[in-house]
């Protein structure tokens, strides 16, 4: 079975202005790298993203938040916070981004693909129930997780693996009291947005279902990889997922302008392999990967291509 790529040209039209790191070139760089690999691309099933339903977005975000984004785009007000901008096509891009993540779930669950990658922008893991921040408007992986639980009776428990260099405060917050979604983040700390300490482990019924692995800047790669493998083992000891979702940030790559970690392409491949193996052992290999960060345009395309190649590889 193929790997699905779920995307839409509007992802390029979300305009963040000159000099902004979350640029439209991120999408074109990734798509160009995937298509240049003729063998890889020939084995891909390509799916055009539809807009998510408003009700699916509001399963994770307040009506007030949706309205705020909608009005900001309509009025062309620009910044939603210090670094999160909107433009004419931003609402459509954000709705198709969340929709793409949901369609990736459909592709995997309905047998069109064995797993899926979504080269989405704007990214999502900083978006909280009532706030856009950190380049993110709607939380793509969170919307997809809630959609999967609502749409498919086989999906009750979901593991979210977030290896972006920044902590996914939005995703953590949405599921912090929910024992059906285990959120794991490995990230640089202290760093934006300032959350993600070891002590943040969930609340009430969700206690124990959040796992944070904060890392110092320039942590040696071998130590970071060891920490990742250990965290997956810890999750596996207490949680059997029906679906694995990856918040695939590539800004932990060495040389990324917004991070100070040192991972290489091969490290991302190995983490992908570990996530795939856990999914194979627990949930018939169901993996959906959604792009988050990654801002070095000289490396991003090849890193993502290697990640998708490993998704496509037979286990």
Protein backbone atom coordinates (compact mmCIF):
# COMPACT_ATOMS: atom_id res chain seq x y z
CA UNK A 1 0.00 0.00 0.00
CA UNK A 2 1.18 3.55 -0.71
CA UNK A 3 1.84 6.50 1.54
CA UNK A 4 -0.64 9.33 1.03
CA UNK A 5 0.41 12.96 0.61
CA UNK A 6 -2.51 15.25 1.42
CA UNK A 7 -2.00 18.87 0.39
CA UNK A 8 -3.37 21.86 -1.51
CA UNK A 9 -1.83 24.78 -3.46
CA UNK A 10 -3.47 27.24 -1.06
CA UNK A 11 -0.83 26.25 1.49
CA UNK A 12 1.55 28.34 -0.62
CA UNK A 13 -0.84 31.30 -0.63
CA UNK A 14 -0.84 31.85 3.13
CA UNK A 15 1.28 35.01 2.97
CA UNK A 16 3.27 35.89 6.08
CA UNK A 17 5.15 38.81 4.55
CA UNK A 18 8.76 39.53 3.70
CA UNK A 19 11.38 38.14 6.06
CA UNK A 20 9.04 35.89 8.05
CA UNK A 21 10.56 32.44 8.71
CA UNK A 22 7.26 30.59 8.17
CA UNK A 23 7.33 31.36 4.46
CA UNK A 24 5.43 29.97 1.49
CA UNK A 25 8.74 28.57 0.23
CA UNK A 26 8.57 25.94 2.95
CA UNK A 27 5.66 24.28 1.15
CA UNK A 28 7.16 24.57 -2.34
CA UNK A 29 10.56 23.35 -1.15
CA UNK A 30 9.02 20.24 0.38
CA UNK A 31 6.78 19.46 -2.59
CA UNK A 32 9.63 19.99 -5.06
CA UNK A 33 11.88 17.62 -3.10
CA UNK A 34 9.21 14.93 -2.99
CA UNK A 35 8.44 15.19 -6.70
CA UNK A 36 12.11 15.18 -7.71
CA UNK A 37 12.40 11.66 -6.32
CA UNK A 38 10.63 9.97 -9.23
CA UNK A 39 10.57 6.52 -7.64
CA UNK A 40 9.21 7.81 -4.35
CA UNK A 41 6.58 10.01 -6.00
CA UNK A 42 5.42 7.20 -8.29
CA UNK A 43 4.52 5.18 -5.21
CA UNK A 44 2.61 8.03 -3.55
CA UNK A 45 -1.15 8.51 -3.57
CA UNK A 46 -1.79 12.24 -3.86
CA UNK A 47 -4.93 13.66 -2.24
CA UNK A 48 -6.17 17.24 -2.58
CA UNK A 49 -7.20 18.72 0.73
CA UNK A 50 -10.75 19.90 1.38
CA UNK A 51 -11.67 22.37 4.08
CA UNK A 52 -12.38 20.95 7.50
CA UNK A 53 -15.90 21.37 8.74
CA UNK A 54 -16.30 24.19 11.20
CA UNK A 55 -17.70 21.72 13.73
CA UNK A 56 -14.52 19.62 13.53
CA UNK A 57 -12.34 22.67 14.14
CA UNK A 58 -14.56 23.73 17.03
CA UNK A 59 -14.12 20.32 18.64
CA UNK A 60 -10.73 21.78 19.65
CA UNK A 61 -11.21 25.55 19.39
CA UNK A 62 -13.78 27.91 20.82
CA UNK A 63 -16.31 29.59 18.53
CA UNK A 64 -14.78 32.89 19.59
CA UNK A 65 -11.35 31.81 18.38
CA UNK A 66 -12.71 30.71 15.01
CA UNK A 67 -14.59 33.99 14.66
CA UNK A 68 -11.49 35.99 15.60
CA UNK A 69 -9.39 34.33 12.88
CA UNK A 70 -12.24 34.69 10.38
CA UNK A 71 -12.68 38.39 11.10
CA UNK A 72 -8.95 39.11 11.09
CA UNK A 73 -8.60 37.58 7.62
CA UNK A 74 -11.67 39.43 6.36
CA UNK A 75 -10.40 42.75 7.69
CA UNK A 76 -6.78 42.12 6.67
CA UNK A 77 -5.50 43.08 10.11
CA UNK A 78 -2.22 41.17 9.78
CA UNK A 79 -0.83 40.08 13.14
CA UNK A 80 -2.87 37.89 15.50
CA UNK A 81 0.02 37.93 17.95
CA UNK A 82 3.63 39.10 17.83
CA UNK A 83 4.64 36.59 15.15
CA UNK A 84 1.41 35.09 13.76
CA UNK A 85 0.17 36.80 10.61
CA UNK A 86 -2.85 36.36 8.38
CA UNK A 87 -3.55 37.45 4.83
CA UNK A 88 -6.27 37.05 2.22
CA UNK A 89 -5.96 33.26 1.85
CA UNK A 90 -4.99 32.39 5.43
CA UNK A 91 -8.41 31.19 6.60
CA UNK A 92 -8.78 28.89 3.61
CA UNK A 93 -5.24 27.57 4.09
CA UNK A 94 -5.86 26.93 7.79
CA UNK A 95 -9.20 25.22 7.13
CA UNK A 96 -7.73 23.08 4.37
CA UNK A 97 -4.75 22.34 6.63
CA UNK A 98 -7.00 20.96 9.34
CA UNK A 99 -9.06 19.27 6.64
CA UNK A 100 -5.94 17.67 5.15
CA UNK A 101 -5.06 16.16 8.51
CA UNK A 102 -8.59 14.71 8.76
CA UNK A 103 -8.42 13.36 5.20
CA UNK A 104 -5.12 11.73 6.05
CA UNK A 105 -6.98 9.88 8.81
CA UNK A 106 -9.61 8.82 6.27
CA UNK A 107 -6.99 7.60 3.79
CA UNK A 108 -5.39 5.37 6.41
CA UNK A 109 -8.62 4.13 8.00
CA UNK A 110 -10.39 3.41 4.71
CA UNK A 111 -7.49 1.56 3.12
CA UNK A 112 -6.39 4.07 0.48
CA UNK A 113 -2.95 4.31 2.11
CA UNK A 114 -0.91 2.57 4.80
CA UNK A 115 0.14 5.90 6.33
CA UNK A 116 0.11 9.58 5.38
CA UNK A 117 2.11 12.80 5.41
CA UNK A 118 0.58 16.27 5.35
CA UNK A 119 2.95 19.10 4.26
CA UNK A 120 0.68 21.66 5.85
CA UNK A 121 1.07 25.35 6.49
CA UNK A 122 0.22 27.18 8.58
CA UNK A 123 1.49 24.74 11.23
CA UNK A 124 -0.67 24.00 14.24
CA UNK A 125 0.79 22.73 17.50
CA UNK A 126 0.96 26.10 19.28
CA UNK A 127 -2.71 26.96 18.62
CA UNK A 128 -4.66 26.72 21.89
CA UNK A 129 -8.43 26.35 22.23
CA UNK A 130 -8.86 30.12 22.19
CA UNK A 131 -5.65 31.62 20.81
CA UNK A 132 -3.56 31.69 17.64
CA UNK A 133 0.17 31.86 18.36
CA UNK A 134 3.60 30.75 17.20
CA UNK A 135 2.66 30.90 13.46
CA UNK A 136 -0.33 28.59 14.15
CA UNK A 137 -4.03 29.34 13.55
CA UNK A 138 -5.79 26.00 14.12
CA UNK A 139 -4.26 22.93 15.74
CA UNK A 140 -4.13 20.47 12.84
CA UNK A 141 -3.11 17.36 14.78
CA UNK A 142 -5.59 18.01 17.57
CA UNK A 143 -8.45 18.51 15.11
CA UNK A 144 -7.43 15.29 13.35
CA UNK A 145 -7.30 13.36 16.64
CA UNK A 146 -10.78 14.45 17.69
CA UNK A 147 -12.08 13.77 14.17
CA UNK A 148 -10.64 10.25 14.24
CA UNK A 149 -12.26 9.49 17.59
CA UNK A 150 -15.62 10.82 16.42
CA UNK A 151 -15.59 9.27 12.93
CA UNK A 152 -14.16 5.78 13.58
CA UNK A 153 -15.37 3.48 16.32
CA UNK A 154 -12.02 1.59 16.12
CA UNK A 155 -10.18 4.73 17.25
CA UNK A 156 -10.44 5.43 20.95
CA UNK A 157 -6.85 5.98 22.10
CA UNK A 158 -4.41 8.16 20.19
CA UNK A 159 -0.70 8.79 20.73
CA UNK A 160 0.71 12.12 19.53
CA UNK A 161 4.49 12.25 19.09
CA UNK A 162 5.82 15.81 18.78
CA UNK A 163 9.51 16.17 17.90
CA UNK A 164 9.44 19.84 16.90
CA UNK A 165 12.20 21.91 18.52
CA UNK A 166 9.46 23.96 20.23
CA UNK A 167 7.04 22.56 22.78
CA UNK A 168 3.52 22.04 21.44
CA UNK A 169 1.77 23.94 24.19
CA UNK A 170 -1.49 24.09 22.26
CA UNK A 171 -1.72 20.34 21.72
CA UNK A 172 -0.76 19.66 25.32
CA UNK A 173 -3.40 22.07 26.60
CA UNK A 174 -6.21 20.63 24.49
CA UNK A 175 -5.63 17.10 25.81
CA UNK A 176 -4.19 17.82 29.26
CA UNK A 177 -7.16 16.29 31.13
CA UNK A 178 -7.89 13.57 28.58
CA UNK A 179 -6.65 10.00 29.19
CA UNK A 180 -7.62 8.92 25.65
CA UNK A 181 -4.86 11.03 24.02
CA UNK A 182 -1.25 10.54 25.15
CA UNK A 183 0.83 13.58 24.21
CA UNK A 184 4.63 13.28 24.10
CA UNK A 185 6.90 16.20 23.24
CA UNK A 186 10.70 16.27 22.93
CA UNK A 187 11.90 19.85 22.59
CA UNK A 188 14.55 22.42 23.40
CA UNK A 189 14.09 24.03 26.83
CA UNK A 190 14.09 26.78 27.89
CA UNK A 191 12.85 28.01 24.52
CA UNK A 192 9.68 29.34 22.95
CA UNK A 193 6.93 29.17 24.23
CA UNK A 194 8.41 28.49 27.69
CA UNK A 195 6.29 25.44 28.51
CA UNK A 196 7.03 21.72 28.50
CA UNK A 197 8.80 20.93 31.76
CA UNK A 198 9.16 17.40 33.11
CA UNK A 199 6.60 18.25 35.77
CA UNK A 200 3.83 18.85 33.23
CA UNK A 201 2.29 15.36 33.13
CA UNK A 202 -1.45 15.97 32.78
CA UNK A 203 -4.26 16.86 35.15
CA UNK A 204 -7.20 15.04 36.72
CA UNK A 205 -8.18 12.06 34.56
CA UNK A 206 -5.38 12.97 32.16
CA UNK A 207 -2.66 12.72 34.82
CA UNK A 208 0.16 10.59 33.46
CA UNK A 209 -0.86 10.97 29.81
CA UNK A 210 1.45 13.87 29.02
CA UNK A 211 5.18 13.23 28.74
CA UNK A 212 7.65 16.05 28.19
CA UNK A 213 11.35 15.55 27.46
CA UNK A 214 12.99 19.00 27.65
CA UNK A 215 16.50 19.21 26.19
CA UNK A 216 19.24 21.78 26.57
CA UNK A 217 20.51 23.58 23.49
CA UNK A 218 23.22 21.62 21.63
CA UNK A 219 22.31 18.36 23.36
CA UNK A 220 24.46 15.68 21.68
CA UNK A 221 22.50 13.78 19.06
CA UNK A 222 23.18 10.41 20.67
CA UNK A 223 21.65 11.66 23.93
CA UNK A 224 18.61 13.10 22.17
CA UNK A 225 17.98 9.88 20.28
CA UNK A 226 18.39 7.86 23.47
CA UNK A 227 15.88 10.13 25.20
CA UNK A 228 13.43 9.67 22.33
CA UNK A 229 13.68 5.88 22.36
CA UNK A 230 13.30 5.82 26.14
CA UNK A 231 10.20 8.02 25.97
CA UNK A 232 8.55 5.78 23.38
CA UNK A 233 9.29 2.82 25.64
CA UNK A 234 7.74 4.63 28.59
CA UNK A 235 4.61 5.43 26.57
CA UNK A 236 4.37 1.86 25.31
CA UNK A 237 4.51 0.51 28.85
CA UNK A 238 1.30 2.26 29.84
CA UNK A 239 -0.63 3.05 26.64
CA UNK A 240 -1.77 1.02 23.62
CA UNK A 241 -2.80 3.45 20.85
CA UNK A 242 -5.30 2.82 18.07
CA UNK A 243 -3.56 5.51 15.99
CA UNK A 244 -0.23 7.35 16.07
CA UNK A 245 -0.03 10.98 14.94
CA UNK A 246 3.32 12.71 14.51
CA UNK A 247 3.70 16.46 14.91
CA UNK A 248 6.67 16.40 12.55
CA UNK A 249 8.65 19.54 13.18
CA UNK A 250 12.00 19.56 11.38
CA UNK A 251 13.46 22.58 13.20
CA UNK A 252 15.41 20.33 15.58
CA UNK A 253 17.69 19.82 12.56
CA UNK A 254 21.21 21.17 12.99
CA UNK A 255 21.49 24.57 11.38
CA UNK A 256 17.83 25.51 11.69
CA UNK A 257 17.57 29.26 12.33
CA UNK A 258 14.89 28.85 15.01
CA UNK A 259 16.46 26.05 17.04
CA UNK A 260 19.72 24.94 18.62
CA UNK A 261 19.44 21.15 18.49
CA UNK A 262 21.63 18.98 16.28
CA UNK A 263 19.60 16.27 14.57
CA UNK A 264 20.51 15.04 11.08
CA UNK A 265 18.31 13.58 8.35
CA UNK A 266 19.23 10.09 9.52
CA UNK A 267 18.07 10.91 13.04
CA UNK A 268 14.65 11.91 11.73
CA UNK A 269 14.57 8.70 9.69
CA UNK A 270 15.36 6.63 12.77
CA UNK A 271 12.68 8.38 14.86
CA UNK A 272 10.20 7.77 12.04
CA UNK A 273 11.22 4.10 12.05
CA UNK A 274 10.68 3.82 15.81
CA UNK A 275 7.24 5.44 15.57
CA UNK A 276 6.31 3.14 12.67
CA UNK A 277 7.44 0.07 14.58
CA UNK A 278 5.38 0.98 17.64
CA UNK A 279 2.36 1.58 15.40
CA UNK A 280 2.93 -1.75 13.65
CA UNK A 281 2.95 -3.54 17.00
CA UNK A 282 -0.15 -1.83 18.38
CA UNK A 283 -2.45 -0.36 15.74
CA UNK A 284 -1.91 -2.03 12.35
CA UNK A 285 0.71 0.56 11.40
CA UNK A 286 -1.66 3.52 11.40
CA UNK A 287 0.55 6.62 11.29
CA UNK A 288 -0.38 10.14 10.18
CA UNK A 289 2.42 12.73 10.10
CA UNK A 290 1.70 16.46 9.90
CA UNK A 291 4.44 19.02 9.26
CA UNK A 292 5.05 21.59 11.97
CA UNK A 293 8.29 23.62 12.00
CA UNK A 294 11.45 23.50 9.90
CA UNK A 295 12.83 26.77 8.57
CA UNK A 296 16.17 26.08 6.87
CA UNK A 297 15.17 26.01 3.21
CA UNK A 298 18.52 24.50 2.26
CA UNK A 299 17.87 21.35 4.31
CA UNK A 300 14.10 21.10 4.79
CA UNK A 301 13.23 19.49 1.46
CA UNK A 302 15.68 16.61 1.78
CA UNK A 303 14.82 16.02 5.44
CA UNK A 304 11.13 15.73 4.65
CA UNK A 305 11.85 13.53 1.61
CA UNK A 306 13.85 11.16 3.83
CA UNK A 307 11.01 11.12 6.40
CA UNK A 308 8.43 10.27 3.72
CA UNK A 309 10.73 7.67 2.18
CA UNK A 310 10.89 5.92 5.55
CA UNK A 311 7.09 6.12 5.90
CA UNK A 312 6.82 4.48 2.49
CA UNK A 313 9.45 1.80 3.19
CA UNK A 314 8.19 -1.70 3.86
CA UNK A 315 8.69 -2.61 7.51
